Each structure stands twice: as C-alpha cells, then as structure tokens.
Amino acid sequence: MSQELPFDPFPFLQDPHHQTLINTFLNFLFEPDSEQKLVTLSDGDKLSLEVTTPKDWRETDPTVILVHGLCGSHKSPNLVRMARRLEPLGIRAVRYNMRGCGSGRGLSRQIYHSGRSEDVFEAIKAMKKEAPASPITLIGFSLGGNIVLKMAGELASLGPTFVKKTIAVSPPVDLYSSILMLGREENAMYEKYFYRLLRADVHYRHKKFRDLPPIRLPHSLKLYEFDQIYTAPYCGFRNVQDYYNRCSAASVVPDIAMPCRILFAEDDPIVSCKSLDAYKLPSHIQLLKTRKGGHMGYLGDPRDKNGIHWLDSVLVEWIQGNDSL
C-alpha cells in the first residue's frame, strides 16, 4: 500500500510538463570538485565514477552513490545538486556514469540499457573495497531508479552486506508501460529528445570501435522501434518484449531486503505511479506518492521548509534518517 507525501508545487508550475522540463534543463550550479575513478568490467569495458570527498571525510563516514537516468550522466542536474548538498554534510558523493556516459564516453564498447544492474553492483564493490566500513546509500533517478531497484531485488538477502538503504525516484519499473506513455502525442518532445541523443551515441560508438559494423539509424524513430531494431538484438535479448520483461524491476522489488523508499508522482507524464500497486511489499519498502511533481520535477513552493528544490531536501532527510528493518 502506498503512502501520500505532501508536496506543494511552485506557484504557477502546477503542470507536470513545466515541472519536468524546468527541473531538467535549468541548472545554474557548477559541478563540485571530483576525482575520476574507473571501474573495469568483466568484458573489458570501463565505468567512470566521479567521486566528491569532503575534506575531513573518514572511511567510516557515509557514501551516497547517485545513478542518473536515460541520456544522462554525472553532469545531470539532480546529481550535481545532490553532490553539492552532501559535501558540506560530510557525506561522500559518487556520481555514477552508465557505460559510455559523461566522463566515461569512449570507454565502453557495449551500450548501457535499462537492466544493467550488474554494472552498478561492480561500482558498489569497488567503493566497498576502497572503504569497507563506509555505509552506502544508493539513489537512482528515473531509469537509474529502475536499475538500482533491480539490483537490490536480485541481491535479495545479500543486499544489506553492500548497501545500507536504496532510494528510487520516478523509476520506470514497468518499462513497457513507460515506453507506451512516451509514445503518446503529448509526450513527443521527450521521445524526440531521447532518440536524438541515443542515435548520436550509437553512431559515435560504432565509429570509435572499428570492430562494430557500420550502422545508420533513421532521423526519426519511436523509442519502441529503437529498442526493437537496436537495443534488444545488440544486447542479446530475444526480442524487444524479452528486453522489457527481463529488465523491468517490478517483479523483484518485493525481494529487496534493505530499507527502501520509492517515490512516484501521480501526474508523471512518462512513468505510471501504479506500477507497483499490485505487489505486496514488505514493511521496510515504502511506496510514496505525491499528487504533483511531474517526472522528477518536484519544484516546490519556496515558502515551504524544503525550498524550491523540494526533492533534494527530502532526499537528504532520507539519507540521514535512521532506517532500520
């Protein structure tokens, strides 16, 4: 059963598209200083982590790993703002780049996709090896939310050995339903934006890695069609439906064994807030919903104690809270 979380949108920004677009594209903050850490995967590809470590941070102090969404990177506004918020609190922030993203561009022959939970696990193990006593909070935004939930569910009872708590914001845990929502006429701007970036990334990778066959993708495709003709076959899935079924986190969420919070907005234009309603979740998994907020927008009333970036304030509270099973 879900719980309603109070959220008052910024005045005149009640519309979910305004919330989504303004939060995504308006970012005036500079990135915090960070050190690049490369993680080599079993297939030879490398992940790039941008690690911001507070001056007096000790190896027993907390670490937060932040995972971006589709076509994002360590430069995504949510990740940049959170890293800047956490540094003065003495919390190490790790901005995770999916394969080929951000400062990892050109370091991976394989592409990232919606279900690469094993990549996140490799990053966690690398950070654990570096500081075994540092408690890790794992936060995924949008597509990153699906991936971290999938990883936590797959680890099941082993999960708390590596991660103290997991948080997912606007996660498309039923990928097929989100693809259908993206395909609606009113969401065409999002679909065109994502496809343009995905297409450019595919062409870049096929030029850089000469062993990959030449490829030409149409200038205009639905994301379902892109997954059908490229993502699914290239990543070893039987077909596009097999890809969505195997990579959606919904069915393994009930297996998560660490404290977990999942946040949806009821007016999210591209992710259904009802994706987990049919599942019986244990008490340590909190399913939270706001009536407004769009897709990861959550631009709040500045008169509220959480300020305009309401989500950032709530996440800090959850990170610092004493969750227990």
Foldseek 3Di string as FASTA:
>chain_A
DADADDFAAAPPQQAQVSLVVCLFPDADDDADQFDWDWFADPVGFIWIKTKDAAPPADLQEAEEEEEEDQLAFCPTRVNRVLCVVCRVVRYMYIYTGFCCDDPNNPRGLDHDDLAVLVVVVSVLVVSCVVRVNHAYEYEYAASGLQSPLQNLLVCQPVNCSRHQEYEYELYQLQVVQLLVLCPDPVNVVVQLVSVQSVQVSVQVSCVSDVVRDHDDDDNDDRVLVCCFPPVQVVVPHPGSVSVSVVRRNQVRNQRRDHQYEYEDECNARRHHLCSNVVDDHDPSYHRYYYPGRYRVRSQGHCVDPCGRNNVSSVVVCVVPDDRDD
